[in-house]
Amino acid sequence: MAGDASPAPRTGVTPGDDLVLPFRTVRSGVIGRVVRLGASVDTVLSYHDVPEPVAQTLGEAVALTAMLGTALKFDGKLIVQTKTDGILDFLVVNFEAPGRVRGYVRCDKARFAESVADGGIDEGTLLGSGHLAITIDPGEDMERYQGIVALEGGTLVDAALTYFRQSEQLPTFMRLALARHYQAGTGGAPGTWHWRAGGLMIQNLALDGGRTGMPMPDEDDEPGLIGDDDDGWERTRILAATVEDHELLDPTLPPERLLYRLFHEEGVRVMPATPIESYCRCSREHVEAFLKSFGADDLADMREPDGGISVTCEFCSQTYRFAPGELV
């Protein structure tokens, strides 16, 4: 439908929350997605005892991965991963179709404290230099595809835009936002703070759908992407750039209403939304099977003073304890 789209009820999902909503503008034919995460991203971040700026970067990565993953045309996986020399030296977010996400982040808390004491920290300092890898896994013994771009003191959004420019040759605009929101308590209970994430991405597919099949030119003489100078794309990009962080995060502003607010001059059509939920694949049975794949000597090295073994899942922080003699 064009114009102002009224949000439809979604079974099992709070209206306007924990979803990715695809859309297309009518006049310019630009495609895009809005992501709005509440409980899903709050759950992922709650598993990790890390400084707030580190949690913010992980939350942005979850929103980015959800936006990209819901574009898969098959029941596969998409993995967004960074590995750098920064304070936040490793981050990974897994997406499993149709809409499940989990994430893990590792940081050097001592270096973080030193950087804060020296005058502050931003996402570029956190990430440092290294690379961002985006991996698409179709499953069923099909070949994986992986695109890798450099991270050089920039943000996740900077690296993602570079990925689309180099790997997909698609003019792309993207904005991500993340913040904690206060939720008042009921029945005399104290209020609580919860993470929320939001994002907007648009891409120009007006000219033959992006990839041209031609090699990328050298960086020094790169003329720009096909479609970069398209009037409809430029007009839509300018409208998208007016979005503000609070609009991406506002639980009282349905995504459909946000799209109408941004693109009513263009006209906008929305497609069915994909619900997003957090998950973890770990279980006591999986961990036990993994441990039993080791030999007796390796298991002996893992044992605690009382002879037991404890394993903690890096994604959900669940600890599985195996008593002495249980794995014999």
Protein backbone atom coordinates (compact mmCIF):
# COMPACT_ATOMS: atom_id res chain seq x y z
CA MET A 1 0.00 0.00 0.00
CA ALA A 2 1.18 3.50 -0.69
CA GLY A 3 1.23 6.42 1.69
CA ASP A 4 0.48 6.10 5.41
CA ALA A 5 0.41 2.41 6.30
CA SER A 6 -1.48 1.43 9.44
CA PRO A 7 0.39 -1.18 11.50
CA ALA A 8 -1.24 -4.59 11.43
CA PRO A 9 -1.33 -6.88 14.48
CA ARG A 10 1.54 -9.39 14.57
CA THR A 11 0.99 -12.61 16.44
CA GLY A 12 3.49 -13.12 19.25
CA VAL A 13 5.22 -9.78 18.66
CA THR A 14 4.61 -6.46 20.35
CA PRO A 15 3.30 -4.15 17.59
CA GLY A 16 6.20 -2.18 16.17
CA ASP A 17 8.85 -4.05 18.16
CA ASP A 18 11.37 -6.82 17.49
CA LEU A 19 10.94 -6.87 13.74
CA VAL A 20 12.46 -5.92 10.41
CA LEU A 21 10.06 -4.18 8.02
CA PRO A 22 10.99 -4.13 4.29
CA PHE A 23 9.67 -1.34 2.07
CA ARG A 24 9.97 0.28 -1.34
CA THR A 25 9.48 3.91 -2.33
CA VAL A 26 6.97 4.41 -5.15
CA ARG A 27 8.48 7.27 -7.20
CA SER A 28 12.18 6.35 -7.00
CA GLY A 29 11.91 2.56 -6.59
CA VAL A 30 14.43 2.56 -3.75
CA ILE A 31 14.26 -0.47 -1.44
CA GLY A 32 14.92 -0.43 2.27
CA ARG A 33 14.41 -1.96 5.69
CA VAL A 34 13.58 -0.61 9.13
CA VAL A 35 14.73 -2.61 12.15
CA ARG A 36 13.21 -2.08 15.59
CA LEU A 37 14.49 -4.23 18.47
CA GLY A 38 13.33 -4.28 22.08
CA ALA A 39 13.37 -7.47 24.14
CA SER A 40 15.54 -9.32 21.60
CA VAL A 41 18.51 -6.95 21.78
CA ASP A 42 18.04 -6.34 25.51
CA THR A 43 18.31 -10.10 26.11
CA VAL A 44 21.47 -10.44 24.02
CA LEU A 45 23.18 -7.53 25.80
CA SER A 46 22.11 -8.69 29.25
CA TYR A 47 24.28 -11.80 28.87
CA HIS A 48 27.53 -9.81 28.72
CA ASP A 49 29.15 -7.94 31.58
CA VAL A 50 30.92 -5.29 29.52
CA PRO A 51 31.24 -1.48 29.69
CA GLU A 52 28.30 0.41 28.22
CA PRO A 53 30.11 1.65 25.06
CA VAL A 54 31.06 -1.97 24.28
CA ALA A 55 27.45 -3.08 24.79
CA GLN A 56 26.34 -0.27 22.47
CA THR A 57 28.61 -1.53 19.69
CA LEU A 58 27.36 -5.10 20.14
CA GLY A 59 23.76 -3.82 20.04
CA GLU A 60 24.43 -1.96 16.79
CA ALA A 61 25.93 -5.15 15.36
CA VAL A 62 22.78 -7.08 16.33
CA ALA A 63 20.58 -4.48 14.56
CA LEU A 64 22.84 -4.52 11.49
CA THR A 65 22.86 -8.33 11.32
CA ALA A 66 19.07 -8.51 11.65
CA MET A 67 18.63 -6.04 8.78
CA LEU A 68 21.00 -7.97 6.53
CA GLY A 69 19.87 -11.44 7.56
CA THR A 70 16.18 -10.90 6.84
CA ALA A 71 17.10 -10.22 3.20
CA LEU A 72 18.22 -13.83 2.72
CA LYS A 73 16.15 -15.68 0.13
CA PHE A 74 16.74 -19.06 1.80
CA ASP A 75 16.74 -20.68 5.23
CA GLY A 76 20.41 -20.09 5.91
CA LYS A 77 22.67 -18.15 8.23
CA LEU A 78 24.39 -14.79 8.14
CA ILE A 79 27.35 -13.99 10.38
CA VAL A 80 28.78 -10.53 11.05
CA GLN A 81 32.19 -10.63 12.71
CA THR A 82 34.97 -8.19 13.59
CA LYS A 83 38.54 -9.01 14.56
CA THR A 84 40.82 -6.10 15.37
CA ASP A 85 43.66 -4.81 17.53
CA GLY A 86 41.24 -2.58 19.43
CA ILE A 87 39.93 -2.68 22.97
CA LEU A 88 36.94 -4.55 21.55
CA ASP A 89 39.07 -7.08 19.71
CA PHE A 90 36.40 -9.61 18.75
CA LEU A 91 32.67 -9.44 18.06
CA VAL A 92 30.33 -11.88 16.36
CA VAL A 93 26.58 -11.88 15.72
CA ASN A 94 24.83 -14.90 14.20
CA PHE A 95 21.52 -14.70 12.35
CA GLU A 96 19.49 -17.84 11.59
CA ALA A 97 16.53 -17.53 9.23
CA PRO A 98 13.82 -16.57 9.52
CA GLY A 99 14.62 -14.21 12.41
CA ARG A 100 16.80 -15.48 15.28
CA VAL A 101 19.88 -13.59 16.55
CA ARG A 102 22.61 -14.16 19.12
CA GLY A 103 25.84 -12.31 19.79
CA TYR A 104 29.14 -12.33 21.65
CA VAL A 105 31.71 -9.62 22.33
CA ARG A 106 35.16 -9.66 23.91
CA CYS A 107 37.01 -6.65 25.23
CA ASP A 108 40.07 -5.75 27.29
CA LYS A 109 38.58 -4.07 30.37
CA ALA A 110 41.97 -2.84 31.60
CA ARG A 111 42.68 -1.07 28.30
CA PHE A 112 39.14 0.34 28.35
CA ALA A 113 39.68 1.85 31.80
CA GLU A 114 43.01 3.34 30.70
CA SER A 115 41.43 4.93 27.61
CA VAL A 116 38.60 6.43 29.65
CA ALA A 117 41.12 7.84 32.14
CA ASP A 118 43.11 9.35 29.24
CA GLY A 119 40.16 11.43 28.07
CA GLY A 120 37.33 9.37 26.64
CA ILE A 121 36.54 6.75 24.07
CA ASP A 122 34.50 6.38 20.89
CA GLU A 123 33.53 3.47 18.66
CA GLY A 124 36.52 3.98 16.40
CA THR A 125 38.88 3.72 19.36
CA LEU A 126 37.04 0.67 20.66
CA LEU A 127 37.27 -1.22 17.38
CA GLY A 128 40.74 -0.11 16.30
CA SER A 129 42.19 -1.58 13.11
CA GLY A 130 41.37 -4.96 11.64
CA HIS A 131 38.54 -6.26 9.51
CA LEU A 132 34.80 -6.80 9.30
CA ALA A 133 33.66 -10.07 7.72
CA ILE A 134 30.12 -10.77 6.53
CA THR A 135 29.51 -14.47 5.85
CA ILE A 136 26.44 -15.95 4.15
CA ASP A 137 25.95 -19.68 4.74
CA PRO A 138 23.16 -21.25 2.63
CA GLY A 139 23.58 -24.59 4.41
CA GLU A 140 22.97 -28.04 2.92
CA ASP A 141 26.59 -28.39 1.74
CA MET A 142 26.26 -25.28 -0.44
CA GLU A 143 29.22 -22.95 -0.81
CA ARG A 144 29.61 -20.09 1.64
CA TYR A 145 30.09 -16.51 0.52
CA GLN A 146 32.24 -14.13 2.56
CA GLY A 147 33.00 -10.46 2.07
CA ILE A 148 35.79 -8.83 4.07
CA VAL A 149 36.46 -5.10 4.45
CA ALA A 150 38.98 -3.18 6.51
CA LEU A 151 38.18 -1.56 9.84
CA GLU A 152 40.55 1.36 10.33
CA GLY A 153 39.41 3.32 13.34
CA GLY A 154 35.89 3.79 11.98
CA THR A 155 32.46 2.58 13.00
CA LEU A 156 30.47 -0.52 12.11
CA VAL A 157 28.27 1.59 9.84
CA ASP A 158 31.35 2.92 8.03
CA ALA A 159 32.60 -0.63 7.45
CA ALA A 160 29.18 -1.91 6.36
CA LEU A 161 28.86 0.90 3.81
CA THR A 162 32.31 0.03 2.48
CA TYR A 163 31.19 -3.60 2.16
CA PHE A 164 28.18 -2.64 0.03
CA ARG A 165 30.32 -0.33 -2.06
CA GLN A 166 33.08 -2.85 -2.75
CA SER A 167 31.30 -6.22 -2.65
CA GLU A 168 27.80 -5.40 -3.88
CA GLN A 169 28.36 -2.14 -5.81
CA LEU A 170 25.13 -0.78 -4.36
CA PRO A 171 24.59 2.86 -3.37
CA THR A 172 23.53 2.50 0.29
CA PHE A 173 22.47 4.73 3.16
CA MET A 174 22.39 3.36 6.70
CA ARG A 175 21.81 4.65 10.20
CA LEU A 176 21.82 2.67 13.45
CA ALA A 177 20.80 3.81 16.93
CA LEU A 178 20.93 2.22 20.36
CA ALA A 179 20.02 3.49 23.83
CA ARG A 180 18.64 2.45 27.18
CA HIS A 181 15.00 3.32 27.87
CA TYR A 182 13.38 3.53 31.28
CA GLN A 183 10.33 1.40 31.95
CA ALA A 184 8.24 2.33 34.98
CA GLY A 185 7.44 -0.42 37.45
CA THR A 186 3.92 -1.56 38.29
CA GLY A 187 2.31 -2.42 41.62
CA GLY A 188 4.96 -0.60 43.59
CA ALA A 189 7.87 -2.36 41.86
CA PRO A 190 10.85 -0.18 40.92
CA GLY A 191 11.37 0.83 37.31
CA THR A 192 14.01 -0.78 35.11
CA TRP A 193 16.25 0.22 32.21
CA HIS A 194 16.18 -1.77 28.98
CA TRP A 195 18.22 -1.59 25.77
CA ARG A 196 16.50 -0.70 22.51
CA ALA A 197 17.98 -0.66 19.00
CA GLY A 198 16.77 0.71 15.70
CA GLY A 199 18.04 1.21 12.20
CA LEU A 200 17.20 2.33 8.68
CA MET A 201 18.84 1.18 5.46
CA ILE A 202 18.01 2.08 1.87
CA GLN A 203 19.64 0.89 -1.37
CA ASN A 204 19.33 1.88 -5.01
CA LEU A 205 18.39 -1.08 -7.19
CA ALA A 206 16.88 1.06 -9.93
CA LEU A 207 19.68 0.26 -12.38
CA ASP A 208 19.84 -3.50 -12.95
CA GLY A 209 19.82 -4.46 -9.28
CA GLY A 210 23.25 -3.40 -8.13
CA ARG A 211 26.07 -5.72 -9.18
CA THR A 212 27.33 -5.03 -12.68
CA GLY A 213 29.64 -7.99 -13.11
CA MET A 214 32.48 -5.58 -13.84
CA PRO A 215 35.66 -5.44 -11.73
CA MET A 216 35.97 -2.62 -9.24
CA PRO A 217 38.19 0.24 -10.49
CA ASP A 218 41.29 1.31 -8.62
CA GLU A 219 40.59 3.42 -5.55
CA ASP A 220 42.47 6.44 -6.92
CA ASP A 221 40.34 6.75 -10.05
CA GLU A 222 37.03 5.30 -8.84
CA PRO A 223 34.25 7.25 -10.63
CA GLY A 224 31.53 6.24 -8.13
CA LEU A 225 28.84 3.60 -8.17
CA ILE A 226 26.30 3.07 -10.87
CA GLY A 227 23.17 4.79 -9.61
CA ASP A 228 25.00 7.26 -7.35
CA ASP A 229 23.99 10.16 -9.57
CA ASP A 230 20.39 9.01 -10.02
CA ASP A 231 18.05 11.89 -9.12
CA GLY A 232 15.45 9.63 -7.50
CA TRP A 233 18.09 7.94 -5.35
CA GLU A 234 19.61 11.24 -4.27
CA ARG A 235 16.20 12.65 -3.39
CA THR A 236 15.32 9.57 -1.31
CA ARG A 237 18.72 9.49 0.37
CA ILE A 238 18.31 13.11 1.49
CA LEU A 239 14.91 12.27 2.97
CA ALA A 240 16.33 9.22 4.77
CA ALA A 241 19.15 11.31 6.21
CA THR A 242 16.62 13.42 8.12
CA VAL A 243 15.78 10.48 10.42
CA GLU A 244 16.79 11.01 14.02
CA ASP A 245 17.92 8.47 16.59
CA HIS A 246 14.91 8.97 18.83
CA GLU A 247 12.60 8.17 15.89
CA LEU A 248 14.40 4.88 15.26
CA LEU A 249 14.06 3.93 18.93
CA ASP A 250 10.65 5.32 19.92
CA PRO A 251 8.38 2.39 20.95
CA THR A 252 5.31 4.60 20.49
CA LEU A 253 6.17 5.37 16.85
CA PRO A 254 5.24 2.38 14.64
CA PRO A 255 7.76 1.70 11.85
CA GLU A 256 5.03 2.22 9.23
CA ARG A 257 4.32 5.67 10.63
CA LEU A 258 8.03 6.48 10.62
CA LEU A 259 8.28 5.51 6.94
CA TYR A 260 5.33 7.71 6.06
CA ARG A 261 6.89 10.57 8.01
CA LEU A 262 10.13 10.21 6.04
CA PHE A 263 8.91 9.31 2.55
CA HIS A 264 5.33 10.57 2.13
CA GLU A 265 6.50 12.74 -0.77
CA GLU A 266 7.82 9.63 -2.52
CA GLY A 267 5.03 7.26 -1.52
CA VAL A 268 6.01 4.09 0.30
CA ARG A 269 4.89 0.47 0.13
CA VAL A 270 5.57 -1.90 3.00
CA MET A 271 5.98 -5.66 2.80
CA PRO A 272 5.31 -8.24 5.55
CA ALA A 273 7.55 -7.78 8.58
CA THR A 274 9.87 -10.48 9.89
CA PRO A 275 9.74 -10.99 13.69
CA ILE A 276 13.13 -11.06 15.45
CA GLU A 277 13.94 -13.03 18.59
CA SER A 278 17.07 -13.84 20.57
CA TYR A 279 18.21 -17.45 20.87
CA CYS A 280 21.09 -19.70 21.82
CA ARG A 281 21.85 -23.17 20.49
CA CYS A 282 23.64 -24.41 23.58
CA SER A 283 22.24 -27.21 25.75
CA ARG A 284 23.58 -29.61 28.33
CA GLU A 285 23.35 -32.43 25.78
CA HIS A 286 25.38 -30.51 23.18
CA VAL A 287 28.06 -29.56 25.70
CA GLU A 288 28.30 -33.12 26.99
CA ALA A 289 28.69 -34.50 23.46
CA PHE A 290 31.39 -31.89 22.78
CA LEU A 291 33.35 -32.77 25.91
CA LYS A 292 33.14 -36.49 25.18
CA SER A 293 34.88 -35.85 21.85
CA PHE A 294 38.09 -35.12 23.82
CA GLY A 295 40.48 -37.76 25.02
CA ALA A 296 41.05 -38.63 28.68
CA ASP A 297 44.23 -36.51 28.90
CA ASP A 298 42.51 -33.41 27.52
CA LEU A 299 39.58 -33.87 29.89
CA ALA A 300 42.01 -34.21 32.79
CA ASP A 301 43.44 -30.78 31.95
CA MET A 302 39.94 -29.28 32.10
CA ARG A 303 39.00 -30.72 35.47
CA GLU A 304 38.63 -28.51 38.51
CA PRO A 305 40.20 -29.42 41.90
CA ASP A 306 37.21 -31.59 42.84
CA GLY A 307 37.37 -33.46 39.50
CA GLY A 308 34.34 -31.79 37.93
CA ILE A 309 34.21 -29.75 34.71
CA SER A 310 32.34 -26.48 34.14
CA VAL A 311 31.66 -25.00 30.70
CA THR A 312 30.17 -21.55 30.14
CA CYS A 313 28.50 -20.64 26.83
CA GLU A 314 30.05 -17.48 25.39
CA PHE A 315 26.78 -16.39 23.81
CA CYS A 316 24.29 -16.72 26.68
CA SER A 317 26.62 -17.10 29.72
CA GLN A 318 24.85 -20.31 30.80
CA THR A 319 27.20 -22.52 32.82
CA TYR A 320 26.97 -26.32 32.59
CA ARG A 321 28.50 -28.24 35.47
CA PHE A 322 29.52 -31.90 35.18
CA ALA A 323 30.25 -33.72 38.41
CA PRO A 324 33.36 -35.87 38.94
CA GLY A 325 33.01 -39.14 37.04
CA GLU A 326 30.02 -37.91 35.02
CA LEU A 327 31.94 -37.84 31.73
CA VAL A 328 33.78 -41.11 32.19
